[in-house]
Amino acid sequence: MKRLIILSVFAVLAIFTVSAEDIILLTNGATIRAKVITCSSAEVQYFNLDIHDGPMFTLFDHEIALVELNNGQTYYYSPMNFELTKMSYNQIFHFSPRNYYHEGKFYHRSQMEDLLKNRCEVAYREYRKGKTLNYVGWGLFAGGFVFDAAGIALMSYGAWDSGRALLILGSATTLASIPTIIVGQYKINNAYKKYNKQDLSLNLGVNPTGLGLSLQF
């Protein structure tokens, strides 16, 4: 029984670990998944979540466009420098679960969904699949929590068999929610990658010096 409760606790922690990250958007258009340690007007110190057991890094104000903390607070620094990344102006930069960057403007997720729907059917289908999986995953997570709570309540009144059965069901449901949410978020992110690639075409060009390949953005 203790093992079931421990598994449920770890499942809850895993869910919140997935979403509890800070995002740093650089002036060159790059994004960093981070755990921000200090955030002042002059610099930001952070750990890069993509580098396991990596050192603490420091970025200075002129390198940062904005920092969005996982609690929803956003700190603005320097404007985007589109000269440094030629593709950045036409791409979507995902820097939080709620906001996106497109053509020099901030977009809410609902606006980005409309953009995908109107401009890229393949990306929009991928987005809808991811969104559906996200809803199902969070529904499973909520259901698992309810089953666990009901199981504990029944056991406290002496209904051990029924309570144990609900705890097993709750733990299984909660654990099933984790990969569902992760896959859903992956598909959502992949939808934006597909959209970003639609404007990148490889063209065969002819020039005075011969036949060559040119990338059109």
Protein backbone atom coordinates (compact mmCIF):
# COMPACT_ATOMS: atom_id res chain seq x y z
CA MET A 1 0.00 0.00 0.00
CA LYS A 2 2.82 2.39 0.83
CA ARG A 3 4.34 1.63 -2.55
CA LEU A 4 1.11 2.70 -4.30
CA ILE A 5 1.03 5.97 -2.40
CA ILE A 6 4.71 6.63 -3.16
CA LEU A 7 4.10 5.94 -6.86
CA SER A 8 1.23 8.42 -6.86
CA VAL A 9 3.38 11.08 -5.19
CA PHE A 10 6.16 10.57 -7.73
CA ALA A 11 3.62 10.77 -10.55
CA VAL A 12 2.38 14.13 -9.24
CA LEU A 13 5.94 15.41 -8.94
CA ALA A 14 6.76 14.24 -12.46
CA ILE A 15 3.75 16.07 -13.90
CA PHE A 16 4.70 19.35 -12.28
CA THR A 17 8.39 18.90 -13.14
CA VAL A 18 7.46 18.71 -16.82
CA SER A 19 5.74 22.11 -16.69
CA ALA A 20 7.88 23.82 -14.02
CA GLU A 21 10.53 25.39 -16.19
CA ASP A 22 11.61 28.94 -16.94
CA ILE A 23 12.09 30.16 -20.50
CA ILE A 24 14.77 32.60 -21.68
CA LEU A 25 14.30 34.16 -25.12
CA LEU A 26 17.54 35.57 -26.52
CA THR A 27 17.83 38.57 -28.82
CA ASN A 28 19.11 36.28 -31.61
CA GLY A 29 15.85 34.31 -31.53
CA ALA A 30 17.09 31.26 -29.62
CA THR A 31 15.23 29.90 -26.61
CA ILE A 32 16.65 28.24 -23.49
CA ARG A 33 14.76 25.90 -21.15
CA ALA A 34 16.16 26.97 -17.82
CA LYS A 35 15.95 27.06 -14.07
CA VAL A 36 16.56 30.73 -13.31
CA ILE A 37 18.56 31.36 -10.12
CA THR A 38 18.81 35.16 -10.15
CA CYS A 39 17.11 37.66 -12.44
CA SER A 40 18.31 41.26 -12.15
CA SER A 41 18.20 44.23 -14.52
CA ALA A 42 21.82 43.61 -15.55
CA GLU A 43 22.10 39.81 -15.81
CA VAL A 44 20.38 36.45 -15.46
CA GLN A 45 22.00 33.41 -13.86
CA TYR A 46 20.49 30.02 -14.67
CA PHE A 47 20.94 26.28 -15.11
CA ASN A 48 20.25 24.89 -18.58
CA LEU A 49 17.67 22.10 -18.26
CA ASP A 50 18.93 20.51 -21.48
CA ILE A 51 22.40 20.03 -19.95
CA HIS A 52 22.23 17.43 -17.18
CA ASP A 53 24.36 18.39 -14.15
CA GLY A 54 25.71 21.35 -16.12
CA PRO A 55 27.26 24.49 -14.64
CA MET A 56 25.44 27.71 -13.81
CA PHE A 57 25.44 30.10 -16.77
CA THR A 58 25.23 33.90 -16.88
CA LEU A 59 23.61 36.05 -19.58
CA PHE A 60 23.79 39.84 -19.70
CA ASP A 61 20.92 42.20 -20.44
CA HIS A 62 21.96 42.94 -24.04
CA GLU A 63 21.81 39.20 -24.87
CA ILE A 64 18.27 38.66 -23.53
CA ALA A 65 14.94 39.58 -25.10
CA LEU A 66 12.84 38.38 -22.18
CA VAL A 67 12.65 35.89 -19.33
CA GLU A 68 9.40 34.15 -18.45
CA LEU A 69 9.32 32.35 -15.11
CA ASN A 70 7.14 29.32 -14.54
CA ASN A 71 4.97 31.35 -12.12
CA GLY A 72 3.85 33.55 -15.03
CA GLN A 73 6.10 36.58 -14.35
CA THR A 74 7.80 38.04 -17.43
CA TYR A 75 10.87 40.30 -17.46
CA TYR A 76 11.68 42.27 -20.61
CA TYR A 77 15.22 43.23 -21.59
CA SER A 78 16.58 44.08 -25.08
CA PRO A 79 14.52 43.98 -28.29
CA MET A 80 14.89 41.09 -30.74
CA ASN A 81 17.80 41.52 -33.15
CA PHE A 82 16.47 40.07 -36.40
CA GLU A 83 19.74 40.77 -38.24
CA LEU A 84 21.46 38.05 -36.23
CA THR A 85 19.11 35.28 -37.37
CA LYS A 86 17.72 35.56 -40.86
CA MET A 87 14.99 33.01 -40.29
CA SER A 88 13.80 34.38 -36.96
CA TYR A 89 11.37 36.94 -38.38
CA ASN A 90 9.27 34.29 -40.14
CA GLN A 91 9.46 31.64 -37.45
CA ILE A 92 7.43 30.97 -34.35
CA PHE A 93 9.41 31.04 -31.13
CA HIS A 94 7.77 29.07 -28.35
CA PHE A 95 8.85 30.68 -25.09
CA SER A 96 6.06 29.73 -22.70
CA PRO A 97 3.02 27.46 -22.51
CA ARG A 98 0.77 30.46 -23.19
CA ASN A 99 2.66 32.87 -25.45
CA TYR A 100 4.41 32.63 -28.82
CA TYR A 101 6.46 34.96 -30.96
CA HIS A 102 5.68 35.46 -34.64
CA GLU A 103 6.76 38.19 -37.07
CA GLY A 104 7.90 40.49 -34.31
CA LYS A 105 4.67 40.23 -32.30
CA PHE A 106 3.55 38.31 -29.23
CA TYR A 107 0.72 35.84 -29.77
CA HIS A 108 -1.53 33.98 -27.36
CA ARG A 109 -1.90 30.24 -27.96
CA SER A 110 -5.42 30.70 -29.39
CA GLN A 111 -4.00 33.15 -31.95
CA MET A 112 -1.28 30.70 -32.90
CA GLU A 113 -3.90 27.98 -33.34
CA ASP A 114 -5.80 30.20 -35.78
CA LEU A 115 -2.55 30.91 -37.61
CA LEU A 116 -1.80 27.21 -38.04
CA LYS A 117 -5.38 26.54 -39.13
CA ASN A 118 -5.28 29.21 -41.83
CA ARG A 119 -1.71 28.74 -43.11
CA CYS A 120 -0.56 25.15 -42.64
CA GLU A 121 -3.02 22.27 -42.59
CA VAL A 122 -0.39 19.62 -41.78
CA ALA A 123 0.86 21.56 -38.76
CA TYR A 124 -2.70 22.27 -37.62
CA ARG A 125 -3.62 18.56 -37.68
CA GLU A 126 -0.54 17.77 -35.59
CA TYR A 127 -1.47 20.54 -33.17
CA ARG A 128 -5.03 19.23 -32.77
CA LYS A 129 -3.74 15.72 -32.01
CA GLY A 130 -1.39 17.11 -29.39
CA LYS A 131 -4.10 19.26 -27.83
CA THR A 132 -6.47 16.28 -27.62
CA LEU A 133 -3.80 14.13 -25.96
CA ASN A 134 -3.11 16.95 -23.50
CA TYR A 135 -6.78 17.12 -22.52
CA VAL A 136 -6.98 13.34 -22.15
CA GLY A 137 -3.76 13.28 -20.12
CA TRP A 138 -4.86 15.95 -17.67
CA GLY A 139 -8.27 14.26 -17.42
CA LEU A 140 -6.55 11.00 -16.47
CA PHE A 141 -4.41 12.86 -13.94
CA ALA A 142 -7.48 14.44 -12.31
CA GLY A 143 -9.30 11.10 -12.32
CA GLY A 144 -6.35 9.38 -10.68
CA PHE A 145 -6.29 12.00 -7.95
CA VAL A 146 -10.01 11.51 -7.29
CA PHE A 147 -9.65 7.71 -7.15
CA ASP A 148 -6.71 7.99 -4.74
CA ALA A 149 -8.58 10.39 -2.48
CA ALA A 150 -11.66 8.16 -2.46
CA GLY A 151 -9.53 5.11 -1.74
CA ILE A 152 -7.83 6.75 1.22
CA ALA A 153 -11.20 7.93 2.55
CA LEU A 154 -12.68 4.42 2.33
CA MET A 155 -9.67 2.91 4.06
CA SER A 156 -9.98 5.43 6.88
CA TYR A 157 -13.51 4.12 7.49
CA GLY A 158 -12.33 0.51 7.51
CA ALA A 159 -13.30 -0.48 3.95
CA TRP A 160 -9.82 -1.80 3.20
CA ASP A 161 -10.59 -3.90 0.14
CA SER A 162 -12.58 -1.22 -1.66
CA GLY A 163 -10.08 1.48 -0.68
CA ARG A 164 -7.14 -0.59 -1.86
CA ALA A 165 -8.86 -1.26 -5.20
CA LEU A 166 -9.46 2.46 -5.73
CA LEU A 167 -5.85 3.26 -4.81
CA ILE A 168 -4.59 0.76 -7.37
CA LEU A 169 -6.90 2.24 -10.01
CA GLY A 170 -5.90 5.79 -9.07
CA SER A 171 -2.18 5.04 -9.20
CA ALA A 172 -2.50 3.33 -12.58
CA THR A 173 -4.57 6.20 -13.98
CA THR A 174 -2.13 8.83 -12.71
CA LEU A 175 0.86 6.97 -14.12
CA ALA A 176 -0.91 6.61 -17.48
CA SER A 177 -1.46 10.37 -17.61
CA ILE A 178 2.26 11.17 -17.64
CA PRO A 179 3.22 9.74 -21.08
CA THR A 180 -0.08 10.99 -22.51
CA ILE A 181 0.68 14.58 -21.50
CA ILE A 182 4.31 14.35 -22.63
CA VAL A 183 3.36 12.95 -26.07
CA GLY A 184 0.65 15.59 -26.42
CA GLN A 185 3.09 18.42 -25.69
CA TYR A 186 5.61 16.89 -28.09
CA LYS A 187 3.03 16.91 -30.89
CA ILE A 188 2.12 20.54 -30.15
CA ASN A 189 5.79 21.58 -30.30
CA ASN A 190 6.26 19.48 -33.44
CA ALA A 191 3.34 21.30 -35.08
CA TYR A 192 5.19 24.61 -34.72
CA LYS A 193 8.35 23.02 -36.11
CA LYS A 194 6.38 21.87 -39.16
CA TYR A 195 5.03 25.37 -39.62
CA ASN A 196 8.51 26.85 -39.34
CA LYS A 197 9.77 24.52 -42.06
CA GLN A 198 7.08 25.38 -44.57
CA ASP A 199 8.82 28.60 -45.66
CA LEU A 200 12.19 26.91 -45.99
CA SER A 201 12.50 25.52 -49.51
CA LEU A 202 15.49 24.05 -51.29
CA ASN A 203 15.63 25.46 -54.80
CA LEU A 204 17.81 24.47 -57.70
CA GLY A 205 19.27 27.62 -59.21
CA VAL A 206 21.35 28.41 -62.25
CA ASN A 207 23.98 31.15 -62.15
CA PRO A 208 26.76 32.31 -64.49
CA THR A 209 29.31 30.10 -62.75
CA GLY A 210 27.24 26.94 -63.13
CA LEU A 211 24.50 24.96 -61.45
CA GLY A 212 24.03 25.45 -57.73
CA LEU A 213 21.69 25.00 -54.79
CA SER A 214 20.21 27.96 -52.99
CA LEU A 215 18.16 28.16 -49.82
CA GLN A 216 15.15 30.47 -49.98
CA PHE A 217 13.74 31.92 -46.75
